[in-house]
Amino acid sequence: MPKNSLTPSERKLRAEIAAHESWAKTDDRAARTANARKAALDRFEREVDPNGELTPQERSKRAEHARKAYFARLALKSAKARRARKSEGASA
């Protein structure tokens, strides 16, 4: 089936199916995502210590706080978006 003959919702469903099938065949989920987790932690470490001047322990502590701040910021944006959608639905 040619790619452009699918609607956006059909393409989304096809991608979801592929993702579920892939994860169903994955024996070690942690190993599969290890590189991505390490890259994310490395990013926060570079953010808090771009010149590599901190001790590994201090860099790790600060990176953990930067990571928590990042996810708290995402949660706040999500809450605001949900509130906005809810108020749009109430006014419609």
PDB file of N, CA and C in Angstrom:
ATOM      1  N   MET A   1       0.855  -1.174   0.000  1.00  0.00           N
ATOM      2  CA  MET A   1       0.000   0.000   0.000  1.00  0.00           C
ATOM      3  C   MET A   1       0.903   1.239   0.000  1.00  0.00           C
ATOM      4  N   PRO A   2       0.739   2.140  -0.963  1.00  0.00           N
ATOM      5  CA  PRO A   2       1.561   3.345  -1.007  1.00  0.00           C
ATOM      6  C   PRO A   2       1.343   4.202   0.231  1.00  0.00           C
ATOM      7  N   LYS A   3       2.426   4.827   0.693  1.00  0.00           N
ATOM      8  CA  LYS A   3       2.382   5.613   1.925  1.00  0.00           C
ATOM      9  C   LYS A   3       1.358   6.739   1.854  1.00  0.00           C
ATOM     10  N   ASN A   4       1.278   7.423   0.715  1.00  0.00           N
ATOM     11  CA  ASN A   4       0.387   8.570   0.627  1.00  0.00           C
ATOM     12  C   ASN A   4      -1.085   8.199   0.466  1.00  0.00           C
ATOM     13  N   SER A   5      -1.410   6.908   0.416  1.00  0.00           N
ATOM     14  CA  SER A   5      -2.812   6.516   0.324  1.00  0.00           C
ATOM     15  C   SER A   5      -3.441   6.351   1.713  1.00  0.00           C
ATOM     16  N   LEU A   6      -2.636   6.479   2.760  1.00  0.00           N
ATOM     17  CA  LEU A   6      -3.154   6.368   4.121  1.00  0.00           C
ATOM     18  C   LEU A   6      -3.478   7.744   4.682  1.00  0.00           C
ATOM     19  N   THR A   7      -4.525   7.792   5.476  1.00  0.00           N
ATOM     20  CA  THR A   7      -4.842   9.045   6.163  1.00  0.00           C
ATOM     21  C   THR A   7      -3.879   9.209   7.332  1.00  0.00           C
ATOM     22  N   PRO A   8      -3.770  10.400   7.885  1.00  0.00           N
ATOM     23  CA  PRO A   8      -2.901  10.584   9.046  1.00  0.00           C
ATOM     24  C   PRO A   8      -3.258   9.657  10.211  1.00  0.00           C
ATOM     25  N   SER A   9      -4.541   9.445  10.465  1.00  0.00           N
ATOM     26  CA  SER A   9      -4.923   8.560  11.564  1.00  0.00           C
ATOM     27  C   SER A   9      -4.552   7.102  11.269  1.00  0.00           C
ATOM     28  N   GLU A  10      -4.628   6.703  10.001  1.00  0.00           N
ATOM     29  CA  GLU A  10      -4.216   5.348   9.638  1.00  0.00           C
ATOM     30  C   GLU A  10      -2.705   5.173   9.782  1.00  0.00           C
ATOM     31  N   ARG A  11      -1.948   6.198   9.399  1.00  0.00           N
ATOM     32  CA  ARG A  11      -0.487   6.132   9.575  1.00  0.00           C
ATOM     33  C   ARG A  11      -0.136   6.029  11.055  1.00  0.00           C
ATOM     34  N   LYS A  12      -0.865   6.775  11.890  1.00  0.00           N
ATOM     35  CA  LYS A  12      -0.617   6.721  13.334  1.00  0.00           C
ATOM     36  C   LYS A  12      -0.898   5.320  13.872  1.00  0.00           C
ATOM     37  N   LEU A  13      -2.008   4.744  13.460  1.00  0.00           N
ATOM     38  CA  LEU A  13      -2.350   3.393  13.904  1.00  0.00           C
ATOM     39  C   LEU A  13      -1.308   2.382  13.448  1.00  0.00           C
ATOM     40  N   ARG A  14      -0.839   2.526  12.210  1.00  0.00           N
ATOM     41  CA  ARG A  14       0.182   1.612  11.706  1.00  0.00           C
ATOM     42  C   ARG A  14       1.464   1.726  12.527  1.00  0.00           C
ATOM     43  N   ALA A  15       1.849   2.946  12.885  1.00  0.00           N
ATOM     44  CA  ALA A  15       3.045   3.151  13.703  1.00  0.00           C
ATOM     45  C   ALA A  15       2.857   2.560  15.101  1.00  0.00           C
ATOM     46  N   GLU A  16       1.669   2.730  15.681  1.00  0.00           N
ATOM     47  CA  GLU A  16       1.392   2.168  17.006  1.00  0.00           C
ATOM     48  C   GLU A  16       1.481   0.643  16.981  1.00  0.00           C
ATOM     49  N   ILE A  17       0.939   0.050  15.941  1.00  0.00           N
ATOM     50  CA  ILE A  17       0.994  -1.408  15.800  1.00  0.00           C
ATOM     51  C   ILE A  17       2.443  -1.875  15.735  1.00  0.00           C
ATOM     52  N   ALA A  18       3.245  -1.201  14.920  1.00  0.00           N
ATOM     53  CA  ALA A  18       4.657  -1.571  14.782  1.00  0.00           C
ATOM     54  C   ALA A  18       5.390  -1.429  16.109  1.00  0.00           C
ATOM     55  N   ALA A  19       5.114  -0.359  16.842  1.00  0.00           N
ATOM     56  CA  ALA A  19       5.775  -0.155  18.128  1.00  0.00           C
ATOM     57  C   ALA A  19       5.387  -1.250  19.118  1.00  0.00           C
ATOM     58  N   HIS A  20       4.115  -1.572  19.190  1.00  0.00           N
ATOM     59  CA  HIS A  20       3.666  -2.628  20.109  1.00  0.00           C
ATOM     60  C   HIS A  20       4.271  -3.983  19.731  1.00  0.00           C
ATOM     61  N   GLU A  21       4.322  -4.274  18.447  1.00  0.00           N
ATOM     62  CA  GLU A  21       4.916  -5.539  18.021  1.00  0.00           C
ATOM     63  C   GLU A  21       6.397  -5.591  18.377  1.00  0.00           C
ATOM     64  N   SER A  22       7.081  -4.479  18.186  1.00  0.00           N
ATOM     65  CA  SER A  22       8.504  -4.420  18.509  1.00  0.00           C
ATOM     66  C   SER A  22       8.745  -4.645  20.007  1.00  0.00           C
ATOM     67  N   TRP A  23       7.965  -3.956  20.846  1.00  0.00           N
ATOM     68  CA  TRP A  23       8.139  -4.125  22.289  1.00  0.00           C
ATOM     69  C   TRP A  23       7.730  -5.529  22.739  1.00  0.00           C
ATOM     70  N   ALA A  24       6.777  -6.137  22.056  1.00  0.00           N
ATOM     71  CA  ALA A  24       6.355  -7.494  22.406  1.00  0.00           C
ATOM     72  C   ALA A  24       7.481  -8.499  22.176  1.00  0.00           C
ATOM     73  N   LYS A  25       8.384  -8.192  21.260  1.00  0.00           N
ATOM     74  CA  LYS A  25       9.500  -9.084  20.946  1.00  0.00           C
ATOM     75  C   LYS A  25      10.772  -8.743  21.726  1.00  0.00           C
ATOM     76  N   THR A  26      10.706  -7.730  22.588  1.00  0.00           N
ATOM     77  CA  THR A  26      11.888  -7.288  23.322  1.00  0.00           C
ATOM     78  C   THR A  26      11.997  -8.045  24.637  1.00  0.00           C
ATOM     79  N   ASP A  27      13.095  -8.790  24.798  1.00  0.00           N
ATOM     80  CA  ASP A  27      13.305  -9.557  26.024  1.00  0.00           C
ATOM     81  C   ASP A  27      13.769  -8.675  27.184  1.00  0.00           C
ATOM     82  N   ASP A  28      14.687  -7.756  26.922  1.00  0.00           N
ATOM     83  CA  ASP A  28      15.264  -6.929  27.984  1.00  0.00           C
ATOM     84  C   ASP A  28      14.984  -5.461  27.689  1.00  0.00           C
ATOM     85  N   ARG A  29      13.884  -4.970  28.243  1.00  0.00           N
ATOM     86  CA  ARG A  29      13.461  -3.600  27.978  1.00  0.00           C
ATOM     87  C   ARG A  29      14.483  -2.590  28.479  1.00  0.00           C
ATOM     88  N   ALA A  30      15.064  -2.843  29.639  1.00  0.00           N
ATOM     89  CA  ALA A  30      16.047  -1.912  30.202  1.00  0.00           C
ATOM     90  C   ALA A  30      17.280  -1.812  29.312  1.00  0.00           C
ATOM     91  N   ALA A  31      17.726  -2.935  28.797  1.00  0.00           N
ATOM     92  CA  ALA A  31      18.900  -2.920  27.915  1.00  0.00           C
ATOM     93  C   ALA A  31      18.593  -2.176  26.619  1.00  0.00           C
ATOM     94  N   ARG A  32      17.381  -2.343  26.128  1.00  0.00           N
ATOM     95  CA  ARG A  32      17.013  -1.683  24.866  1.00  0.00           C
ATOM     96  C   ARG A  32      17.020  -0.160  25.001  1.00  0.00           C
ATOM     97  N   THR A  33      16.687   0.350  26.173  1.00  0.00           N
ATOM     98  CA  THR A  33      16.605   1.795  26.358  1.00  0.00           C
ATOM     99  C   THR A  33      17.805   2.372  27.106  1.00  0.00           C
ATOM    100  N   ALA A  34      18.796   1.555  27.423  1.00  0.00           N
ATOM    101  CA  ALA A  34      19.943   2.010  28.219  1.00  0.00           C
ATOM    102  C   ALA A  34      20.696   3.163  27.558  1.00  0.00           C
ATOM    103  N   ASN A  35      20.958   3.074  26.268  1.00  0.00           N
ATOM    104  CA  ASN A  35      21.702   4.136  25.595  1.00  0.00           C
ATOM    105  C   ASN A  35      20.952   5.466  25.634  1.00  0.00           C
ATOM    106  N   ALA A  36      19.649   5.421  25.466  1.00  0.00           N
ATOM    107  CA  ALA A  36      18.849   6.651  25.495  1.00  0.00           C
ATOM    108  C   ALA A  36      18.850   7.258  26.894  1.00  0.00           C
ATOM    109  N   ARG A  37      18.723   6.414  27.921  1.00  0.00           N
ATOM    110  CA  ARG A  37      18.753   6.931  29.298  1.00  0.00           C
ATOM    111  C   ARG A  37      20.104   7.561  29.615  1.00  0.00           C
ATOM    112  N   LYS A  38      21.182   6.904  29.190  1.00  0.00           N
ATOM    113  CA  LYS A  38      22.517   7.445  29.430  1.00  0.00           C
ATOM    114  C   LYS A  38      22.704   8.779  28.710  1.00  0.00           C
ATOM    115  N   ALA A  39      22.234   8.869  27.478  1.00  0.00           N
ATOM    116  CA  ALA A  39      22.351  10.112  26.720  1.00  0.00           C
ATOM    117  C   ALA A  39      21.584  11.245  27.409  1.00  0.00           C
ATOM    118  N   ALA A  40      20.419  10.941  27.943  1.00  0.00           N
ATOM    119  CA  ALA A  40      19.637  11.967  28.638  1.00  0.00           C
ATOM    120  C   ALA A  40      20.365  12.437  29.897  1.00  0.00           C
ATOM    121  N   LEU A  41      20.894  11.498  30.667  1.00  0.00           N
ATOM    122  CA  LEU A  41      21.625  11.887  31.880  1.00  0.00           C
ATOM    123  C   LEU A  41      22.885  12.674  31.524  1.00  0.00           C
ATOM    124  N   ASP A  42      23.571  12.258  30.473  1.00  0.00           N
ATOM    125  CA  ASP A  42      24.767  12.982  30.036  1.00  0.00           C
ATOM    126  C   ASP A  42      24.420  14.412  29.646  1.00  0.00           C
ATOM    127  N   ARG A  43      23.284  14.602  29.027  1.00  0.00           N
ATOM    128  CA  ARG A  43      22.853  15.945  28.638  1.00  0.00           C
ATOM    129  C   ARG A  43      22.695  16.842  29.860  1.00  0.00           C
ATOM    130  N   PHE A  44      22.075  16.325  30.912  1.00  0.00           N
ATOM    131  CA  PHE A  44      21.899  17.127  32.117  1.00  0.00           C
ATOM    132  C   PHE A  44      23.237  17.402  32.792  1.00  0.00           C
ATOM    133  N   GLU A  45      24.138  16.445  32.747  1.00  0.00           N
ATOM    134  CA  GLU A  45      25.466  16.671  33.324  1.00  0.00           C
ATOM    135  C   GLU A  45      26.212  17.758  32.565  1.00  0.00           C
ATOM    136  N   ARG A  46      26.123  17.746  31.243  1.00  0.00           N
ATOM    137  CA  ARG A  46      26.774  18.798  30.451  1.00  0.00           C
ATOM    138  C   ARG A  46      26.135  20.151  30.724  1.00  0.00           C
ATOM    139  N   GLU A  47      24.826  20.144  30.958  1.00  0.00           N
ATOM    140  CA  GLU A  47      24.097  21.381  31.227  1.00  0.00           C
ATOM    141  C   GLU A  47      24.571  22.025  32.528  1.00  0.00           C
ATOM    142  N   VAL A  48      24.764  21.216  33.571  1.00  0.00           N
ATOM    143  CA  VAL A  48      25.139  21.779  34.875  1.00  0.00           C
ATOM    144  C   VAL A  48      26.639  21.977  35.025  1.00  0.00           C
ATOM    145  N   ASP A  49      27.432  21.323  34.190  1.00  0.00           N
ATOM    146  CA  ASP A  49      28.894  21.425  34.296  1.00  0.00           C
ATOM    147  C   ASP A  49      29.524  21.410  32.901  1.00  0.00           C
ATOM    148  N   PRO A  50      29.293  22.473  32.122  1.00  0.00           N
ATOM    149  CA  PRO A  50      29.767  22.462  30.736  1.00  0.00           C
ATOM    150  C   PRO A  50      31.291  22.390  30.598  1.00  0.00           C
ATOM    151  N   ASN A  51      32.016  22.853  31.608  1.00  0.00           N
ATOM    152  CA  ASN A  51      33.482  22.849  31.536  1.00  0.00           C
ATOM    153  C   ASN A  51      34.115  21.670  32.259  1.00  0.00           C
ATOM    154  N   GLY A  52      33.316  20.797  32.845  1.00  0.00           N
ATOM    155  CA  GLY A  52      33.835  19.626  33.538  1.00  0.00           C
ATOM    156  C   GLY A  52      34.653  19.960  34.769  1.00  0.00           C
ATOM    157  N   GLU A  53      34.245  20.981  35.501  1.00  0.00           N
ATOM    158  CA  GLU A  53      35.012  21.442  36.661  1.00  0.00           C
ATOM    159  C   GLU A  53      34.541  20.854  37.986  1.00  0.00           C
ATOM    160  N   LEU A  54      33.335  20.303  38.029  1.00  0.00           N
ATOM    161  CA  LEU A  54      32.791  19.775  39.282  1.00  0.00           C
ATOM    162  C   LEU A  54      33.290  18.360  39.535  1.00  0.00           C
ATOM    163  N   THR A  55      33.208  17.951  40.801  1.00  0.00           N
ATOM    164  CA  THR A  55      33.518  16.555  41.106  1.00  0.00           C
ATOM    165  C   THR A  55      32.398  15.692  40.534  1.00  0.00           C
ATOM    166  N   PRO A  56      32.664  14.443  40.241  1.00  0.00           N
ATOM    167  CA  PRO A  56      31.605  13.575  39.715  1.00  0.00           C
ATOM    168  C   PRO A  56      30.381  13.510  40.628  1.00  0.00           C
ATOM    169  N   GLN A  57      30.603  13.510  41.940  1.00  0.00           N
ATOM    170  CA  GLN A  57      29.483  13.442  42.879  1.00  0.00           C
ATOM    171  C   GLN A  57      28.624  14.706  42.797  1.00  0.00           C
ATOM    172  N   GLU A  58      29.279  15.873  42.780  1.00  0.00           N
ATOM    173  CA  GLU A  58      28.535  17.133  42.718  1.00  0.00           C
ATOM    174  C   GLU A  58      27.831  17.275  41.371  1.00  0.00           C
ATOM    175  N   ARG A  59      28.488  16.901  40.300  1.00  0.00           N
ATOM    176  CA  ARG A  59      27.887  16.958  38.962  1.00  0.00           C
ATOM    177  C   ARG A  59      26.647  16.075  38.923  1.00  0.00           C
ATOM    178  N   SER A  60      26.744  14.889  39.494  1.00  0.00           N
ATOM    179  CA  SER A  60      25.619  13.961  39.511  1.00  0.00           C
ATOM    180  C   SER A  60      24.435  14.529  40.291  1.00  0.00           C
ATOM    181  N   LYS A  61      24.718  15.124  41.456  1.00  0.00           N
ATOM    182  CA  LYS A  61      23.643  15.726  42.266  1.00  0.00           C
ATOM    183  C   LYS A  61      22.951  16.844  41.504  1.00  0.00           C
ATOM    184  N   ARG A  62      23.750  17.712  40.914  1.00  0.00           N
ATOM    185  CA  ARG A  62      23.174  18.847  40.191  1.00  0.00           C
ATOM    186  C   ARG A  62      22.410  18.379  38.953  1.00  0.00           C
ATOM    187  N   ALA A  63      22.938  17.391  38.276  1.00  0.00           N
ATOM    188  CA  ALA A  63      22.262  16.862  37.089  1.00  0.00           C
ATOM    189  C   ALA A  63      20.918  16.265  37.474  1.00  0.00           C
ATOM    190  N   GLU A  64      20.855  15.597  38.607  1.00  0.00           N
ATOM    191  CA  GLU A  64      19.587  15.021  39.065  1.00  0.00           C
ATOM    192  C   GLU A  64      18.562  16.126  39.326  1.00  0.00           C
ATOM    193  N   HIS A  65      19.005  17.232  39.927  1.00  0.00           N
ATOM    194  CA  HIS A  65      18.085  18.355  40.149  1.00  0.00           C
ATOM    195  C   HIS A  65      17.656  18.976  38.819  1.00  0.00           C
ATOM    196  N   ALA A  66      18.578  19.102  37.878  1.00  0.00           N
ATOM    197  CA  ALA A  66      18.231  19.643  36.564  1.00  0.00           C
ATOM    198  C   ALA A  66      17.217  18.736  35.869  1.00  0.00           C
ATOM    199  N   ARG A  67      17.390  17.420  36.006  1.00  0.00           N
ATOM    200  CA  ARG A  67      16.454  16.464  35.416  1.00  0.00           C
ATOM    201  C   ARG A  67      15.067  16.607  36.049  1.00  0.00           C
ATOM    202  N   LYS A  68      15.027  16.717  37.381  1.00  0.00           N
ATOM    203  CA  LYS A  68      13.742  16.870  38.062  1.00  0.00           C
ATOM    204  C   LYS A  68      13.062  18.179  37.673  1.00  0.00           C
ATOM    205  N   ALA A  69      13.847  19.250  37.539  1.00  0.00           N
ATOM    206  CA  ALA A  69      13.280  20.529  37.120  1.00  0.00           C
ATOM    207  C   ALA A  69      12.703  20.422  35.714  1.00  0.00           C
ATOM    208  N   TYR A  70      13.406  19.739  34.827  1.00  0.00           N
ATOM    209  CA  TYR A  70      12.950  19.560  33.455  1.00  0.00           C
ATOM    210  C   TYR A  70      11.589  18.861  33.429  1.00  0.00           C
ATOM    211  N   PHE A  71      11.472  17.759  34.173  1.00  0.00           N
ATOM    212  CA  PHE A  71      10.215  17.014  34.159  1.00  0.00           C
ATOM    213  C   PHE A  71       9.105  17.749  34.895  1.00  0.00           C
ATOM    214  N   ALA A  72       9.453  18.515  35.930  1.00  0.00           N
ATOM    215  CA  ALA A  72       8.442  19.335  36.609  1.00  0.00           C
ATOM    216  C   ALA A  72       7.922  20.412  35.659  1.00  0.00           C
ATOM    217  N   ARG A  73       8.816  20.988  34.858  1.00  0.00           N
ATOM    218  CA  ARG A  73       8.426  21.987  33.869  1.00  0.00           C
ATOM    219  C   ARG A  73       7.474  21.371  32.838  1.00  0.00           C
ATOM    220  N   LEU A  74       7.785  20.144  32.402  1.00  0.00           N
ATOM    221  CA  LEU A  74       6.884  19.455  31.467  1.00  0.00           C
ATOM    222  C   LEU A  74       5.515  19.212  32.096  1.00  0.00           C
ATOM    223  N   ALA A  75       5.492  18.826  33.363  1.00  0.00           N
ATOM    224  CA  ALA A  75       4.224  18.572  34.044  1.00  0.00           C
ATOM    225  C   ALA A  75       3.402  19.851  34.144  1.00  0.00           C
ATOM    226  N   LEU A  76       4.065  20.968  34.421  1.00  0.00           N
ATOM    227  CA  LEU A  76       3.363  22.241  34.505  1.00  0.00           C
ATOM    228  C   LEU A  76       2.768  22.617  33.148  1.00  0.00           C
ATOM    229  N   LYS A  77       3.543  22.466  32.080  1.00  0.00           N
ATOM    230  CA  LYS A  77       3.031  22.763  30.745  1.00  0.00           C
ATOM    231  C   LYS A  77       1.849  21.866  30.406  1.00  0.00           C
ATOM    232  N   SER A  78       1.929  20.602  30.796  1.00  0.00           N
ATOM    233  CA  SER A  78       0.848  19.666  30.540  1.00  0.00           C
ATOM    234  C   SER A  78      -0.418  20.078  31.283  1.00  0.00           C
ATOM    235  N   ALA A  79      -0.265  20.464  32.544  1.00  0.00           N
ATOM    236  CA  ALA A  79      -1.427  20.885  33.339  1.00  0.00           C
ATOM    237  C   ALA A  79      -2.075  22.127  32.726  1.00  0.00           C
ATOM    238  N   LYS A  80      -1.255  23.065  32.275  1.00  0.00           N
ATOM    239  CA  LYS A  80      -1.794  24.273  31.651  1.00  0.00           C
ATOM    240  C   LYS A  80      -2.539  23.927  30.361  1.00  0.00           C
ATOM    241  N   ALA A  81      -1.967  23.017  29.571  1.00  0.00           N
ATOM    242  CA  ALA A  81      -2.617  22.621  28.323  1.00  0.00           C
ATOM    243  C   ALA A  81      -3.946  21.924  28.591  1.00  0.00           C
ATOM    244  N   ARG A  82      -3.974  21.054  29.605  1.00  0.00           N
ATOM    245  CA  ARG A  82      -5.231  20.373  29.950  1.00  0.00           C
ATOM    246  C   ARG A  82      -6.277  21.381  30.406  1.00  0.00           C
ATOM    247  N   ARG A  83      -5.868  22.342  31.213  1.00  0.00           N
ATOM    248  CA  ARG A  83      -6.797  23.358  31.697  1.00  0.00           C
ATOM    249  C   ARG A  83      -7.337  24.172  30.520  1.00  0.00           C
ATOM    250  N   ALA A  84      -6.458  24.528  29.587  1.00  0.00           N
ATOM    251  CA  ALA A  84      -6.892  25.306  28.430  1.00  0.00           C
ATOM    252  C   ALA A  84      -7.882  24.507  27.580  1.00  0.00           C
ATOM    253  N   ARG A  85      -7.589  23.220  27.360  1.00  0.00           N
ATOM    254  CA  ARG A  85      -8.514  22.384  26.580  1.00  0.00           C
ATOM    255  C   ARG A  85      -9.860  22.260  27.279  1.00  0.00           C
ATOM    256  N   LYS A  86      -9.803  22.119  28.604  1.00  0.00           N
ATOM    257  CA  LYS A  86     -11.057  21.975  29.376  1.00  0.00           C
ATOM    258  C   LYS A  86     -11.889  23.256  29.269  1.00  0.00           C
ATOM    259  N   SER A  87     -11.247  24.410  29.380  1.00  0.00           N
ATOM    260  CA  SER A  87     -11.993  25.652  29.303  1.00  0.00           C
ATOM    261  C   SER A  87     -12.509  25.921  27.891  1.00  0.00           C
ATOM    262  N   GLU A  88     -11.775  25.477  26.863  1.00  0.00           N
ATOM    263  CA  GLU A  88     -12.258  25.608  25.487  1.00  0.00           C
ATOM    264  C   GLU A  88     -13.508  24.756  25.289  1.00  0.00           C
ATOM    265  N   GLY A  89     -13.516  23.563  25.883  1.00  0.00           N
ATOM    266  CA  GLY A  89     -14.672  22.683  25.762  1.00  0.00           C
ATOM    267  C   GLY A  89     -15.886  23.227  26.495  1.00  0.00           C
ATOM    268  N   ALA A  90     -15.642  23.907  27.608  1.00  0.00           N
ATOM    269  CA  ALA A  90     -16.751  24.462  28.381  1.00  0.00           C
ATOM    270  C   ALA A  90     -17.379  25.661  27.671  1.00  0.00           C
ATOM    271  N   SER A  91     -16.569  26.408  26.923  1.00  0.00           N
ATOM    272  CA  SER A  91     -17.090  27.591  26.259  1.00  0.00           C
ATOM    273  C   SER A  91     -17.710  27.285  24.892  1.00  0.00           C
ATOM    274  N   ALA A  92     -17.511  26.070  24.411  1.00  0.00           N
ATOM    275  CA  ALA A  92     -18.025  25.706  23.075  1.00  0.00           C
ATOM    276  C   ALA A  92     -19.478  25.340  23.112  1.00  0.00           C
TER     277      ALA A  92
END
